[in-house]
């Protein structure tokens, strides 16, 4: 298993940051540089099943969120790069006038190629992933 952790600070309030993380409308494709395809399979008040990403790196996942705990959990059901398993955790904490967002990405590689990619994620992932999140979450370094 590979775990990649990083954080960023957003100028958005925790409620606004949560809204960005859980918005599965047209703004998601426009605002997230790592998403050019989005299909919402099902959605409830505090969860959504979606397929999102790019042709090269997409995943089908279940998002679940708890506004009171300021937490979004994403469970990967299928991934072009990594297959089944793993996911994301976003923990939002008030930080001055904005929000600190702690991100944890877990991958469970199933073959040699996936193990190589997973081994590289903790090294190269934080910088590129942070950059992707900064735009959508109006974050500062």
N, C-alpha and C. Protein backbone atom coordinates (compact mmCIF):
# COMPACT_ATOMS: atom_id res chain seq x y z
N UNK A 1 0.84 -1.17 0.00
CA UNK A 1 0.00 0.00 0.00
C UNK A 1 0.89 1.24 0.00
N UNK A 2 0.45 2.26 -0.71
CA UNK A 2 1.17 3.53 -0.80
C UNK A 2 0.29 4.63 -0.21
N UNK A 3 0.88 5.46 0.66
CA UNK A 3 0.15 6.57 1.26
C UNK A 3 0.91 7.86 0.96
N UNK A 4 0.20 8.83 0.42
CA UNK A 4 0.76 10.14 0.10
C UNK A 4 -0.03 11.17 0.89
N UNK A 5 0.69 12.01 1.64
CA UNK A 5 0.03 13.04 2.44
C UNK A 5 0.59 14.41 2.09
N UNK A 6 -0.29 15.40 2.08
CA UNK A 6 0.13 16.78 1.92
C UNK A 6 -1.01 17.66 2.43
N UNK A 7 -0.75 18.93 2.54
CA UNK A 7 -1.81 19.86 2.93
C UNK A 7 -1.67 21.15 2.13
N UNK A 8 -2.73 21.91 2.14
CA UNK A 8 -2.71 23.22 1.54
C UNK A 8 -3.64 24.11 2.35
N UNK A 9 -3.49 25.41 2.20
CA UNK A 9 -4.33 26.36 2.90
C UNK A 9 -5.13 27.13 1.86
N UNK A 10 -6.44 27.12 2.04
CA UNK A 10 -7.35 27.78 1.11
C UNK A 10 -7.86 29.07 1.72
N UNK A 11 -8.16 30.03 0.87
CA UNK A 11 -8.79 31.27 1.32
C UNK A 11 -10.29 31.07 1.52
N UNK A 12 -10.81 29.91 1.12
CA UNK A 12 -12.23 29.60 1.30
C UNK A 12 -12.52 29.21 2.74
N UNK A 13 -13.74 29.44 3.18
CA UNK A 13 -14.18 28.96 4.49
C UNK A 13 -14.28 27.43 4.42
N UNK A 14 -14.30 26.75 5.58
CA UNK A 14 -14.48 25.29 5.53
C UNK A 14 -15.76 24.87 4.78
N UNK A 15 -16.85 25.60 4.97
CA UNK A 15 -18.10 25.25 4.28
C UNK A 15 -17.96 25.43 2.77
N UNK A 16 -17.30 26.51 2.35
CA UNK A 16 -17.11 26.73 0.91
C UNK A 16 -16.14 25.72 0.31
N UNK A 17 -15.09 25.37 1.03
CA UNK A 17 -14.15 24.35 0.55
C UNK A 17 -14.86 23.00 0.42
N UNK A 18 -15.69 22.67 1.40
CA UNK A 18 -16.47 21.43 1.35
C UNK A 18 -17.38 21.44 0.13
N UNK A 19 -17.99 22.58 -0.15
CA UNK A 19 -18.89 22.69 -1.31
C UNK A 19 -18.12 22.44 -2.61
N UNK A 20 -16.90 22.94 -2.71
CA UNK A 20 -16.09 22.72 -3.92
C UNK A 20 -15.75 21.23 -4.05
N UNK A 21 -15.37 20.61 -2.96
CA UNK A 21 -15.00 19.18 -3.00
C UNK A 21 -16.17 18.28 -3.36
N UNK A 22 -17.39 18.73 -3.05
CA UNK A 22 -18.55 17.86 -3.24
C UNK A 22 -19.52 18.37 -4.31
N UNK A 23 -19.06 19.29 -5.14
CA UNK A 23 -19.88 19.79 -6.25
C UNK A 23 -19.63 18.91 -7.47
N UNK A 24 -20.64 18.21 -7.91
CA UNK A 24 -20.49 17.31 -9.06
C UNK A 24 -21.26 17.83 -10.28
N UNK A 25 -21.42 19.14 -10.35
CA UNK A 25 -22.06 19.79 -11.49
C UNK A 25 -21.02 20.18 -12.52
N UNK A 26 -21.42 20.97 -13.53
CA UNK A 26 -20.52 21.38 -14.62
C UNK A 26 -19.28 22.14 -14.14
N UNK A 27 -19.37 22.82 -13.00
CA UNK A 27 -18.22 23.58 -12.49
C UNK A 27 -17.03 22.67 -12.18
N UNK A 28 -17.29 21.43 -11.86
CA UNK A 28 -16.20 20.51 -11.49
C UNK A 28 -15.22 20.33 -12.65
N UNK A 29 -15.72 20.11 -13.83
CA UNK A 29 -14.85 19.92 -15.00
C UNK A 29 -14.14 21.23 -15.34
N UNK A 30 -14.82 22.34 -15.16
CA UNK A 30 -14.23 23.65 -15.47
C UNK A 30 -13.15 24.03 -14.45
N UNK A 31 -13.39 23.77 -13.17
CA UNK A 31 -12.52 24.27 -12.11
C UNK A 31 -11.37 23.35 -11.72
N UNK A 32 -11.47 22.06 -11.99
CA UNK A 32 -10.42 21.11 -11.59
C UNK A 32 -9.56 20.77 -12.81
N UNK A 33 -8.28 21.13 -12.81
CA UNK A 33 -7.42 20.86 -13.97
C UNK A 33 -7.22 19.36 -14.24
N UNK A 34 -7.42 18.52 -13.24
CA UNK A 34 -7.20 17.08 -13.43
C UNK A 34 -8.47 16.34 -13.84
N UNK A 35 -9.54 17.07 -14.11
CA UNK A 35 -10.81 16.44 -14.49
C UNK A 35 -11.30 17.03 -15.81
N UNK A 36 -11.39 16.18 -16.84
CA UNK A 36 -12.03 16.65 -18.07
C UNK A 36 -13.22 15.77 -18.44
N UNK A 37 -13.44 14.72 -17.64
CA UNK A 37 -14.58 13.84 -17.85
C UNK A 37 -15.23 13.59 -16.50
N UNK A 38 -16.54 13.72 -16.46
CA UNK A 38 -17.29 13.48 -15.22
C UNK A 38 -18.60 12.80 -15.55
N UNK A 39 -18.85 11.69 -14.88
CA UNK A 39 -20.14 11.02 -14.99
C UNK A 39 -20.63 10.75 -13.57
N UNK A 40 -21.78 11.30 -13.24
CA UNK A 40 -22.38 11.08 -11.93
C UNK A 40 -23.34 9.90 -12.08
N UNK A 41 -23.06 8.82 -11.38
CA UNK A 41 -23.88 7.61 -11.48
C UNK A 41 -25.09 7.68 -10.54
N UNK A 42 -24.84 8.09 -9.30
CA UNK A 42 -25.90 8.24 -8.30
C UNK A 42 -25.46 9.32 -7.32
N UNK A 43 -26.46 9.94 -6.67
CA UNK A 43 -26.10 10.97 -5.70
C UNK A 43 -27.17 11.04 -4.61
N UNK A 44 -26.70 11.24 -3.37
CA UNK A 44 -27.58 11.44 -2.23
C UNK A 44 -27.21 12.74 -1.54
N UNK A 45 -27.77 12.95 -0.36
CA UNK A 45 -27.51 14.19 0.38
C UNK A 45 -26.07 14.32 0.84
N UNK A 46 -25.44 13.21 1.16
CA UNK A 46 -24.07 13.27 1.68
C UNK A 46 -23.15 12.25 1.02
N UNK A 47 -23.47 11.89 -0.22
CA UNK A 47 -22.64 10.93 -0.95
C UNK A 47 -22.88 11.07 -2.46
N UNK A 48 -21.93 10.56 -3.22
CA UNK A 48 -22.08 10.52 -4.68
C UNK A 48 -21.19 9.42 -5.23
N UNK A 49 -21.68 8.73 -6.25
CA UNK A 49 -20.89 7.74 -7.00
C UNK A 49 -20.59 8.37 -8.34
N UNK A 50 -19.30 8.55 -8.65
CA UNK A 50 -18.91 9.25 -9.87
C UNK A 50 -17.74 8.55 -10.55
N UNK A 51 -17.63 8.77 -11.84
CA UNK A 51 -16.42 8.44 -12.58
C UNK A 51 -15.89 9.78 -13.07
N UNK A 52 -14.62 10.05 -12.77
CA UNK A 52 -14.04 11.33 -13.15
C UNK A 52 -12.56 11.17 -13.42
N UNK A 53 -12.01 12.14 -14.13
CA UNK A 53 -10.59 12.15 -14.42
C UNK A 53 -10.34 12.52 -15.87
N UNK A 54 -9.32 11.88 -16.42
CA UNK A 54 -8.95 12.08 -17.82
C UNK A 54 -8.93 10.72 -18.50
N UNK A 55 -8.74 10.72 -19.80
CA UNK A 55 -8.66 9.45 -20.52
C UNK A 55 -7.48 8.62 -20.01
N UNK A 56 -6.41 9.29 -19.61
CA UNK A 56 -5.21 8.58 -19.15
C UNK A 56 -5.30 8.14 -17.69
N UNK A 57 -6.07 8.85 -16.88
CA UNK A 57 -6.11 8.56 -15.44
C UNK A 57 -7.48 8.89 -14.88
N UNK A 58 -8.39 7.94 -14.92
CA UNK A 58 -9.73 8.13 -14.39
C UNK A 58 -9.98 7.15 -13.26
N UNK A 59 -10.97 7.46 -12.45
CA UNK A 59 -11.39 6.48 -11.45
C UNK A 59 -12.88 6.63 -11.17
N UNK A 60 -13.47 5.49 -10.83
CA UNK A 60 -14.85 5.48 -10.34
C UNK A 60 -14.76 5.37 -8.83
N UNK A 61 -15.47 6.26 -8.16
CA UNK A 61 -15.33 6.31 -6.71
C UNK A 61 -16.64 6.71 -6.04
N UNK A 62 -16.70 6.41 -4.78
CA UNK A 62 -17.83 6.83 -3.94
C UNK A 62 -17.32 7.90 -2.98
N UNK A 63 -17.89 9.09 -3.10
CA UNK A 63 -17.61 10.19 -2.19
C UNK A 63 -18.63 10.14 -1.06
N UNK A 64 -18.15 10.30 0.16
CA UNK A 64 -19.04 10.45 1.32
C UNK A 64 -18.51 11.63 2.12
N UNK A 65 -19.42 12.50 2.58
CA UNK A 65 -18.97 13.66 3.33
C UNK A 65 -19.84 13.91 4.55
N UNK A 66 -19.18 14.50 5.54
CA UNK A 66 -19.81 14.84 6.80
C UNK A 66 -19.46 16.30 7.09
N UNK A 67 -20.43 17.18 6.91
CA UNK A 67 -20.18 18.61 7.09
C UNK A 67 -19.81 18.94 8.54
N UNK A 68 -20.41 18.23 9.50
CA UNK A 68 -20.11 18.50 10.91
C UNK A 68 -18.66 18.15 11.25
N UNK A 69 -18.17 17.06 10.70
CA UNK A 69 -16.78 16.64 10.94
C UNK A 69 -15.80 17.31 9.97
N UNK A 70 -16.35 18.02 8.96
CA UNK A 70 -15.54 18.67 7.91
C UNK A 70 -14.62 17.65 7.24
N UNK A 71 -15.20 16.56 6.81
CA UNK A 71 -14.41 15.46 6.25
C UNK A 71 -15.08 14.91 5.01
N UNK A 72 -14.25 14.66 3.99
CA UNK A 72 -14.71 14.01 2.77
C UNK A 72 -13.86 12.76 2.59
N UNK A 73 -14.51 11.63 2.40
CA UNK A 73 -13.83 10.36 2.18
C UNK A 73 -14.22 9.84 0.80
N UNK A 74 -13.22 9.42 0.04
CA UNK A 74 -13.44 8.92 -1.31
C UNK A 74 -12.90 7.49 -1.38
N UNK A 75 -13.76 6.55 -1.72
CA UNK A 75 -13.35 5.14 -1.85
C UNK A 75 -13.30 4.79 -3.32
N UNK A 76 -12.14 4.33 -3.77
CA UNK A 76 -11.95 3.99 -5.18
C UNK A 76 -12.53 2.61 -5.47
N UNK A 77 -13.48 2.56 -6.40
CA UNK A 77 -14.10 1.30 -6.80
C UNK A 77 -13.44 0.73 -8.05
N UNK A 78 -12.89 1.63 -8.87
CA UNK A 78 -12.23 1.21 -10.11
C UNK A 78 -11.32 2.36 -10.52
N UNK A 79 -10.15 2.03 -11.04
CA UNK A 79 -9.21 3.05 -11.47
C UNK A 79 -8.42 2.54 -12.66
N UNK A 80 -8.24 3.38 -13.66
CA UNK A 80 -7.46 2.97 -14.83
C UNK A 80 -6.01 2.67 -14.44
N UNK A 81 -5.47 3.46 -13.52
CA UNK A 81 -4.07 3.27 -13.14
C UNK A 81 -3.87 2.25 -12.03
N UNK A 82 -4.80 2.19 -11.05
CA UNK A 82 -4.55 1.38 -9.86
C UNK A 82 -5.57 0.29 -9.58
N UNK A 83 -6.64 0.21 -10.31
CA UNK A 83 -7.64 -0.81 -10.03
C UNK A 83 -8.47 -0.46 -8.80
N UNK A 84 -8.93 -1.49 -8.11
CA UNK A 84 -9.82 -1.34 -6.96
C UNK A 84 -9.02 -1.08 -5.69
N UNK A 85 -9.60 -0.27 -4.81
CA UNK A 85 -9.01 -0.07 -3.49
C UNK A 85 -8.36 1.29 -3.32
N UNK A 86 -8.17 1.63 -2.09
CA UNK A 86 -7.57 2.92 -1.77
C UNK A 86 -8.58 4.03 -1.88
N UNK A 87 -8.07 5.25 -1.92
CA UNK A 87 -8.95 6.41 -2.03
C UNK A 87 -8.31 7.64 -1.44
N UNK A 88 -9.15 8.59 -1.09
CA UNK A 88 -8.73 9.90 -0.61
C UNK A 88 -9.44 10.22 0.68
N UNK A 89 -8.78 10.99 1.53
CA UNK A 89 -9.42 11.59 2.70
C UNK A 89 -9.04 13.07 2.69
N UNK A 90 -10.05 13.92 2.83
CA UNK A 90 -9.85 15.36 2.93
C UNK A 90 -10.38 15.79 4.29
N UNK A 91 -9.50 16.34 5.12
CA UNK A 91 -9.92 16.86 6.42
C UNK A 91 -9.76 18.37 6.40
N UNK A 92 -10.84 19.07 6.65
CA UNK A 92 -10.85 20.53 6.59
C UNK A 92 -10.84 21.10 8.01
N UNK A 93 -9.94 22.05 8.25
CA UNK A 93 -9.80 22.67 9.56
C UNK A 93 -9.76 24.17 9.38
N UNK A 94 -10.58 24.92 10.15
CA UNK A 94 -10.50 26.38 10.06
C UNK A 94 -9.07 26.84 10.31
N UNK A 95 -8.62 27.83 9.53
CA UNK A 95 -7.26 28.35 9.65
C UNK A 95 -7.32 29.85 9.38
N UNK A 96 -7.39 30.65 10.42
CA UNK A 96 -7.54 32.09 10.24
C UNK A 96 -8.83 32.38 9.50
N UNK A 97 -8.72 33.11 8.39
CA UNK A 97 -9.89 33.43 7.57
C UNK A 97 -10.16 32.36 6.51
N UNK A 98 -9.38 31.30 6.50
CA UNK A 98 -9.53 30.27 5.48
C UNK A 98 -9.63 28.88 6.07
N UNK A 99 -9.07 27.93 5.34
CA UNK A 99 -9.17 26.52 5.72
C UNK A 99 -7.87 25.79 5.40
N UNK A 100 -7.41 25.01 6.34
CA UNK A 100 -6.31 24.07 6.08
C UNK A 100 -6.97 22.78 5.61
N UNK A 101 -6.47 22.25 4.50
CA UNK A 101 -7.01 21.01 3.96
C UNK A 101 -5.90 19.97 3.97
N UNK A 102 -6.05 18.97 4.84
CA UNK A 102 -5.10 17.86 4.90
C UNK A 102 -5.61 16.79 3.96
N UNK A 103 -4.75 16.32 3.08
CA UNK A 103 -5.12 15.34 2.06
C UNK A 103 -4.30 14.07 2.26
N UNK A 104 -4.98 12.95 2.21
CA UNK A 104 -4.30 11.65 2.27
C UNK A 104 -4.80 10.82 1.09
N UNK A 105 -3.87 10.37 0.28
CA UNK A 105 -4.17 9.51 -0.87
C UNK A 105 -3.58 8.14 -0.60
N UNK A 106 -4.42 7.13 -0.66
CA UNK A 106 -3.97 5.75 -0.45
C UNK A 106 -4.20 4.97 -1.74
N UNK A 107 -3.21 4.23 -2.15
CA UNK A 107 -3.33 3.36 -3.32
C UNK A 107 -2.94 1.95 -2.92
N UNK A 108 -3.66 0.99 -3.46
CA UNK A 108 -3.41 -0.43 -3.21
C UNK A 108 -3.06 -1.10 -4.54
N UNK A 109 -1.78 -1.08 -4.91
CA UNK A 109 -1.39 -1.65 -6.21
C UNK A 109 -1.58 -3.16 -6.24
N UNK A 110 -1.94 -3.65 -7.45
CA UNK A 110 -2.22 -5.07 -7.62
C UNK A 110 -1.24 -5.78 -8.56
N UNK A 111 -0.42 -5.02 -9.27
CA UNK A 111 0.54 -5.66 -10.17
C UNK A 111 1.84 -4.86 -10.16
N UNK A 112 2.82 -5.31 -10.90
CA UNK A 112 4.15 -4.69 -10.87
C UNK A 112 4.11 -3.23 -11.31
N UNK A 113 3.42 -2.93 -12.40
CA UNK A 113 3.33 -1.56 -12.90
C UNK A 113 2.68 -0.65 -11.87
N UNK A 114 1.61 -1.12 -11.26
CA UNK A 114 0.92 -0.34 -10.25
C UNK A 114 1.81 -0.12 -9.02
N UNK A 115 2.60 -1.12 -8.66
CA UNK A 115 3.51 -0.97 -7.51
C UNK A 115 4.58 0.08 -7.80
N UNK A 116 5.07 0.13 -9.04
CA UNK A 116 6.04 1.17 -9.41
C UNK A 116 5.42 2.56 -9.31
N UNK A 117 4.23 2.72 -9.86
CA UNK A 117 3.54 4.01 -9.78
C UNK A 117 3.26 4.40 -8.33
N UNK A 118 2.81 3.44 -7.54
CA UNK A 118 2.50 3.71 -6.13
C UNK A 118 3.75 4.10 -5.35
N UNK A 119 4.88 3.49 -5.68
CA UNK A 119 6.13 3.83 -4.99
C UNK A 119 6.57 5.26 -5.32
N UNK A 120 6.26 5.73 -6.51
CA UNK A 120 6.65 7.09 -6.92
C UNK A 120 5.72 8.16 -6.35
N UNK A 121 4.49 7.80 -6.04
CA UNK A 121 3.51 8.80 -5.60
C UNK A 121 3.95 9.63 -4.39
N UNK A 122 4.45 9.03 -3.32
CA UNK A 122 4.84 9.86 -2.17
C UNK A 122 5.98 10.83 -2.49
N UNK A 123 6.74 10.55 -3.54
CA UNK A 123 7.88 11.40 -3.90
C UNK A 123 7.44 12.52 -4.84
N UNK A 124 6.75 12.17 -5.93
CA UNK A 124 6.37 13.17 -6.93
C UNK A 124 4.93 13.66 -6.78
N UNK A 125 4.12 12.92 -6.06
CA UNK A 125 2.70 13.25 -5.97
C UNK A 125 2.36 14.54 -5.26
N UNK A 126 2.92 14.81 -4.07
CA UNK A 126 2.46 16.00 -3.34
C UNK A 126 2.53 17.30 -4.13
N UNK A 127 3.61 17.56 -4.82
CA UNK A 127 3.73 18.83 -5.56
C UNK A 127 2.72 18.92 -6.69
N UNK A 128 2.59 17.87 -7.50
CA UNK A 128 1.67 17.94 -8.63
C UNK A 128 0.21 17.90 -8.17
N UNK A 129 -0.08 17.11 -7.15
CA UNK A 129 -1.45 17.06 -6.65
C UNK A 129 -1.83 18.38 -5.98
N UNK A 130 -0.93 18.94 -5.20
CA UNK A 130 -1.20 20.23 -4.55
C UNK A 130 -1.54 21.29 -5.59
N UNK A 131 -0.76 21.32 -6.68
CA UNK A 131 -1.00 22.30 -7.74
C UNK A 131 -2.41 22.14 -8.33
N UNK A 132 -2.83 20.91 -8.53
CA UNK A 132 -4.15 20.63 -9.06
C UNK A 132 -5.24 21.14 -8.11
N UNK A 133 -5.05 20.92 -6.82
CA UNK A 133 -6.04 21.32 -5.82
C UNK A 133 -6.06 22.83 -5.60
N UNK A 134 -4.90 23.47 -5.70
CA UNK A 134 -4.81 24.91 -5.41
C UNK A 134 -5.74 25.72 -6.30
N UNK A 135 -5.82 25.39 -7.57
CA UNK A 135 -6.67 26.15 -8.47
C UNK A 135 -8.14 26.04 -8.09
N UNK A 136 -8.61 24.85 -7.88
CA UNK A 136 -10.03 24.64 -7.57
C UNK A 136 -10.41 25.17 -6.20
N UNK A 137 -9.48 25.07 -5.25
CA UNK A 137 -9.78 25.49 -3.88
C UNK A 137 -9.27 26.89 -3.56
N UNK A 138 -8.85 27.62 -4.61
CA UNK A 138 -8.34 28.98 -4.41
C UNK A 138 -7.35 29.01 -3.25
N UNK A 139 -6.38 28.14 -3.36
CA UNK A 139 -5.43 27.95 -2.27
C UNK A 139 -4.16 28.75 -2.48
N UNK A 140 -3.47 28.95 -1.38
CA UNK A 140 -2.18 29.59 -1.42
C UNK A 140 -1.16 28.62 -0.84
N UNK A 141 0.08 28.79 -1.22
CA UNK A 141 1.11 27.86 -0.74
C UNK A 141 1.45 28.10 0.69
